[in-house]
Protein backbone atom coordinates (compact mmCIF):
# COMPACT_ATOMS: atom_id res chain seq x y z
CA UNK A 1 -48.96 -0.72 -13.31
CA UNK A 2 -51.29 -3.10 -14.50
CA UNK A 3 -53.82 -4.05 -11.60
CA UNK A 4 -54.12 -7.72 -11.23
CA UNK A 5 -56.81 -7.95 -8.59
CA UNK A 6 -59.92 -5.90 -10.08
CA UNK A 7 -61.04 -3.78 -6.99
CA UNK A 8 -64.92 -3.52 -6.12
CA UNK A 9 -66.73 -0.24 -6.17
CA UNK A 10 -68.18 0.50 -2.79
CA UNK A 11 -71.13 2.03 -4.70
CA UNK A 12 -72.36 0.63 -7.65
CA UNK A 13 -72.79 3.00 -10.72
CA UNK A 14 -73.92 0.33 -13.15
CA UNK A 15 -76.89 -0.75 -15.32
CA UNK A 16 -78.81 1.91 -16.85
CA UNK A 17 -76.72 4.78 -14.49
CA UNK A 18 -73.63 5.20 -16.50
CA UNK A 19 -75.50 6.35 -19.83
CA UNK A 20 -77.57 8.64 -18.13
CA UNK A 21 -75.28 10.30 -16.35
CA UNK A 22 -73.42 10.93 -19.43
CA UNK A 23 -76.02 11.89 -21.88
CA UNK A 24 -77.98 13.99 -19.34
CA UNK A 25 -75.87 15.15 -15.90
CA UNK A 26 -72.76 15.43 -18.10
CA UNK A 27 -73.31 18.79 -19.78
CA UNK A 28 -75.33 19.62 -17.33
CA UNK A 29 -73.02 19.44 -14.13
CA UNK A 30 -69.94 18.05 -14.88
CA UNK A 31 -68.52 20.10 -18.10
CA UNK A 32 -68.03 23.45 -16.75
CA UNK A 33 -66.18 21.88 -14.18
CA UNK A 34 -64.20 20.02 -16.17
CA UNK A 35 -63.00 23.27 -17.98
CA UNK A 36 -62.32 24.90 -15.16
CA UNK A 37 -60.38 22.48 -13.82
CA UNK A 38 -58.27 22.33 -16.84
CA UNK A 39 -57.52 25.60 -17.00
CA UNK A 40 -55.51 25.44 -13.72
CA UNK A 41 -53.14 22.95 -15.13
CA UNK A 42 -49.62 23.72 -15.96
CA UNK A 43 -48.52 21.58 -18.35
CA UNK A 44 -45.23 22.72 -19.40
CA UNK A 45 -43.58 19.75 -16.82
CA UNK A 46 -45.44 17.12 -17.03
CA UNK A 47 -44.78 13.17 -18.27
CA UNK A 48 -47.14 10.78 -16.29
CA UNK A 49 -50.73 11.94 -15.12
CA UNK A 50 -53.40 10.19 -13.30
CA UNK A 51 -57.18 11.12 -13.62
CA UNK A 52 -58.62 9.03 -10.81
CA UNK A 53 -62.75 8.62 -11.00
CA UNK A 54 -62.88 9.63 -14.58
CA UNK A 55 -66.43 8.46 -14.65
CA UNK A 56 -67.64 9.25 -18.46
CA UNK A 57 -64.42 10.81 -19.53
CA UNK A 58 -65.96 14.44 -19.46
CA UNK A 59 -62.93 15.38 -17.69
CA UNK A 60 -60.45 13.26 -19.30
CA UNK A 61 -61.49 14.66 -22.72
CA UNK A 62 -60.33 18.08 -22.09
CA UNK A 63 -57.27 16.84 -19.79
CA UNK A 64 -56.20 14.69 -22.91
CA UNK A 65 -56.32 18.36 -24.80
CA UNK A 66 -54.76 20.60 -21.99
CA UNK A 67 -51.49 17.91 -21.27
CA UNK A 68 -48.97 17.60 -23.83
CA UNK A 69 -49.41 14.63 -26.29
CA UNK A 70 -45.57 13.45 -25.41
CA UNK A 71 -46.83 12.70 -21.89
CA UNK A 72 -48.39 9.23 -21.04
CA UNK A 73 -51.92 9.88 -19.36
CA UNK A 74 -53.77 6.98 -17.34
CA UNK A 75 -57.73 7.66 -17.10
CA UNK A 76 -59.10 5.44 -14.15
CA UNK A 77 -62.17 4.58 -12.49
CA UNK A 78 -63.21 2.12 -9.98
CA UNK A 79 -66.38 1.27 -12.28
CA UNK A 80 -66.08 -0.82 -15.09
CA UNK A 81 -69.50 0.24 -16.81
CA UNK A 82 -68.18 3.80 -16.39
CA UNK A 83 -65.37 3.80 -18.18
CA UNK A 84 -66.72 1.32 -21.01
CA UNK A 85 -69.06 4.71 -21.59
CA UNK A 86 -65.79 6.55 -21.32
CA UNK A 87 -63.45 4.58 -23.76
CA UNK A 88 -66.54 4.66 -26.14
CA UNK A 89 -66.92 8.35 -26.21
CA UNK A 90 -63.05 9.13 -26.84
CA UNK A 91 -61.79 6.10 -28.47
CA UNK A 92 -58.79 6.71 -30.27
CA UNK A 93 -57.65 9.28 -28.07
CA UNK A 94 -54.10 8.25 -26.61
CA UNK A 95 -55.90 7.44 -22.99
CA UNK A 96 -54.26 4.37 -21.18
CA UNK A 97 -57.83 3.32 -19.40
CA UNK A 98 -57.04 1.14 -15.99
CA UNK A 99 -59.65 0.12 -13.23
CA UNK A 100 -57.85 1.80 -10.18
CA UNK A 101 -59.22 2.19 -6.68
CA UNK A 102 -58.33 5.77 -5.38
CA UNK A 103 -57.58 4.43 -2.02
CA UNK A 104 -55.21 1.71 -3.17
CA UNK A 105 -53.14 3.24 -6.18
CA UNK A 106 -51.27 0.02 -7.73
CA UNK A 107 -47.86 2.96 -8.81
CA UNK A 108 -44.28 3.22 -7.18
CA UNK A 109 -43.58 5.72 -5.27
CA UNK A 110 -42.83 9.12 -6.45
CA UNK A 111 -44.03 7.91 -10.09
CA UNK A 112 -46.57 10.43 -11.19
CA UNK A 113 -46.47 13.96 -12.01
CA UNK A 114 -50.15 15.34 -11.63
CA UNK A 115 -53.01 13.75 -10.18
CA UNK A 116 -56.44 15.27 -11.15
CA UNK A 117 -60.08 13.50 -9.41
CA UNK A 118 -63.23 15.74 -9.95
CA UNK A 119 -66.03 14.66 -8.27
CA UNK A 120 -65.17 11.07 -6.88
CA UNK A 121 -62.99 11.50 -3.18
CA UNK A 122 -66.15 11.60 -2.00
CA UNK A 123 -67.37 8.38 -2.79
CA UNK A 124 -64.11 7.03 -1.29
CA UNK A 125 -64.38 4.87 2.19
CA UNK A 126 -61.10 5.73 3.45
CA UNK A 127 -60.27 9.68 2.88
CA UNK A 128 -57.24 9.35 4.75
CA UNK A 129 -55.57 6.77 2.99
CA UNK A 130 -57.04 8.02 -0.39
CA UNK A 131 -55.13 11.01 -0.26
CA UNK A 132 -51.76 9.56 1.55
CA UNK A 133 -51.84 7.20 -1.26
CA UNK A 134 -52.20 9.94 -3.94
CA UNK A 135 -48.98 11.88 -1.81
CA UNK A 136 -47.00 8.43 -2.19
CA UNK A 137 -47.14 7.99 -5.85
CA UNK A 138 -46.21 11.61 -6.53
CA UNK A 139 -43.21 12.99 -7.48
CA UNK A 140 -41.64 15.78 -5.56
CA UNK A 141 -43.04 19.21 -6.53
CA UNK A 142 -45.88 16.89 -8.34
CA UNK A 143 -49.70 18.14 -7.75
CA UNK A 144 -52.86 16.92 -6.73
CA UNK A 145 -56.07 18.72 -8.17
CA UNK A 146 -59.59 17.71 -7.13
CA UNK A 147 -63.22 18.88 -6.72
CA UNK A 148 -65.79 17.72 -4.26
CA UNK A 149 -69.72 19.68 -4.40
CA UNK A 150 -70.44 22.37 -2.23
CA UNK A 151 -73.22 21.86 0.63
CA UNK A 152 -76.35 20.56 -1.77
CA UNK A 153 -78.48 24.21 -0.30
CA UNK A 154 -75.75 25.35 -3.30
CA UNK A 155 -76.18 23.15 -6.30
CA UNK A 156 -80.21 24.16 -6.85
CA UNK A 157 -80.87 21.37 -9.17
CA UNK A 158 -79.55 18.87 -7.00
CA UNK A 159 -81.32 20.35 -4.24
CA UNK A 160 -84.53 19.74 -5.55
CA UNK A 161 -84.27 16.57 -6.91
CA UNK A 162 -83.23 15.28 -3.39
CA UNK A 163 -86.03 17.22 -1.51
CA UNK A 164 -88.25 15.34 -4.04
CA UNK A 165 -86.40 11.97 -3.81
CA UNK A 166 -86.74 12.14 0.24
CA UNK A 167 -90.34 12.50 0.62
CA UNK A 168 -90.47 8.41 -0.92
CA UNK A 169 -87.50 7.18 0.59
CA UNK A 170 -88.25 4.97 3.85
CA UNK A 171 -85.92 5.76 7.13
CA UNK A 172 -83.04 4.70 7.37
CA UNK A 173 -82.13 7.35 4.39
CA UNK A 174 -79.63 5.82 2.20
CA UNK A 175 -75.58 6.55 2.69
CA UNK A 176 -75.86 7.26 -1.31
CA UNK A 177 -78.27 10.43 -0.94
CA UNK A 178 -76.01 12.74 1.18
CA UNK A 179 -72.53 11.65 -0.13
CA UNK A 180 -72.33 13.45 -3.52
CA UNK A 181 -72.41 16.17 -1.02
CA UNK A 182 -70.67 15.49 1.94
CA UNK A 183 -67.01 16.98 1.46
CA UNK A 184 -67.94 20.34 1.62
CA UNK A 185 -65.95 21.35 4.71
CA UNK A 186 -62.87 23.66 3.68
CA UNK A 187 -60.91 22.84 6.95
CA UNK A 188 -61.57 19.81 7.20
CA UNK A 189 -60.71 19.36 3.40
CA UNK A 190 -57.12 21.20 4.80
CA UNK A 191 -56.75 18.95 7.54
CA UNK A 192 -56.38 15.57 5.90
CA UNK A 193 -54.05 17.10 2.82
CA UNK A 194 -51.62 18.33 5.54
CA UNK A 195 -52.29 14.99 7.45
CA UNK A 196 -50.95 13.44 4.73
CA UNK A 197 -48.16 15.38 4.10
CA UNK A 198 -49.16 17.95 1.03
CA UNK A 199 -47.96 21.86 1.33
CA UNK A 200 -49.01 24.60 -0.71
CA UNK A 201 -52.60 23.70 -0.43
CA UNK A 202 -55.13 26.21 -1.79
CA UNK A 203 -58.94 25.47 -1.60
CA UNK A 204 -61.62 27.53 -3.01
CA UNK A 205 -65.12 27.82 -3.73
CA UNK A 206 -65.88 27.79 -7.48
CA UNK A 207 -69.78 28.90 -8.74
CA UNK A 208 -70.78 27.93 -12.29
CA UNK A 209 -74.47 27.58 -14.12
CA UNK A 210 -76.05 24.59 -14.46
CA UNK A 211 -77.91 24.86 -18.13
CA UNK A 212 -79.83 22.10 -19.18
CA UNK A 213 -82.21 22.79 -22.50
CA UNK A 214 -85.35 21.20 -21.56
CA UNK A 215 -86.49 20.13 -18.08
CA UNK A 216 -87.21 16.89 -19.72
CA UNK A 217 -83.93 16.28 -19.83
CA UNK A 218 -82.50 17.68 -16.66
CA UNK A 219 -85.07 15.41 -14.86
CA UNK A 220 -84.20 12.18 -16.51
CA UNK A 221 -80.72 13.06 -15.65
CA UNK A 222 -81.16 13.74 -11.92
CA UNK A 223 -83.69 11.50 -11.45
CA UNK A 224 -82.02 8.21 -13.04
CA UNK A 225 -78.47 9.19 -13.44
CA UNK A 226 -77.72 8.73 -10.24
CA UNK A 227 -76.64 6.46 -7.09
CA UNK A 228 -80.18 7.43 -5.65
CA UNK A 229 -81.78 5.79 -8.89
CA UNK A 230 -80.33 2.47 -7.74
CA UNK A 231 -81.67 2.73 -4.15
CA UNK A 232 -85.43 3.55 -5.13
CA UNK A 233 -85.42 0.70 -7.46
CA UNK A 234 -84.41 -1.39 -4.86
CA UNK A 235 -86.74 -0.35 -2.26
CA UNK A 236 -89.98 0.63 -4.41
CA UNK A 237 -89.71 0.96 -7.77
CA UNK A 238 -93.63 2.08 -8.34
CA UNK A 239 -92.48 5.48 -6.43
CA UNK A 240 -90.08 6.12 -9.29
CA UNK A 241 -93.28 7.55 -11.48
CA UNK A 242 -94.03 10.33 -8.52
CA UNK A 243 -90.55 11.13 -8.16
CA UNK A 244 -90.52 12.14 -11.80
CA UNK A 245 -93.65 13.93 -11.50
CA UNK A 246 -92.78 16.18 -8.42
CA UNK A 247 -89.52 16.90 -9.74
CA UNK A 248 -90.83 17.94 -13.31
CA UNK A 249 -93.69 19.80 -11.48
CA UNK A 250 -91.11 21.45 -9.33
CA UNK A 251 -88.51 22.85 -12.12
CA UNK A 252 -90.82 23.89 -14.37
CA UNK A 253 -92.84 26.14 -11.73
CA UNK A 254 -89.46 27.84 -10.78
CA UNK A 255 -87.57 27.79 -14.50
CA UNK A 256 -90.66 26.92 -17.30
CA UNK A 257 -90.53 24.51 -19.83
CA UNK A 258 -86.74 25.26 -20.55
CA UNK A 259 -84.07 26.34 -21.20
CA UNK A 260 -82.70 25.81 -17.57
CA UNK A 261 -79.79 28.01 -15.86
CA UNK A 262 -79.26 27.16 -12.14
CA UNK A 263 -76.49 28.31 -9.77
CA UNK A 264 -74.53 25.08 -8.74
CA UNK A 265 -71.28 25.75 -6.46
CA UNK A 266 -67.76 23.15 -6.04
CA UNK A 267 -64.60 23.11 -3.91
CA UNK A 268 -61.49 23.37 -5.91
CA UNK A 269 -58.82 22.12 -4.02
CA UNK A 270 -54.95 21.85 -5.19
CA UNK A 271 -52.29 20.74 -3.13
CA UNK A 272 -48.07 19.51 -3.70
CA UNK A 273 -45.98 17.39 -2.38
């Protein structure tokens, strides 16, 4: 199962991003959905579980608690830097960490009982191939469970940040600007799953609340924990100071100094082979 050739990420989650991603965005955005996803798992007959796009391990921690101790659990990401943070956070847990490209899974057919991918498929260049790969490696009766973000308008904190960043980004906007919110068409998700061969498909919008104890923590995570940060630093790093000031001003006007409680929405999809 080992990947002999290390895959190269299409987008660069590296440098300071993984630490800011985990320290700030992890609790604000990803922890609530990690808990929600694990509630949907029937762990009674799981022998081999694969997590794709594990990131810094927010979902990974809950998956390891949810699936049986006897189950083999592979947690993976295409970014080595993200996995380094996850490994440190979750050291001591029985997890097989691997660098894996979701579009080219290094497993034989009909091997895996459950594939989980939270907020990762948006970044996979060839989604048709990625879903076909998930279908291929799943056992008959196996499950694919994944989340993608709903429309940007329904994710308040991200909307405020991206609106501010857009003012300081020269055209054309980088692909990374819209990508995280690019898989919110439920009919489109269903079609690509059906084309891959999946059945018993359920797709639903799940609303949660983004919580940050202070405006400053939210601003740090939003401005330095995602792909747009690298783009700004590459194009014109001097603009980051203005973006931080603008986002902090807007959040303070809307929420006060904290704690912040803002609506967010994601699409939760589940399908069987």
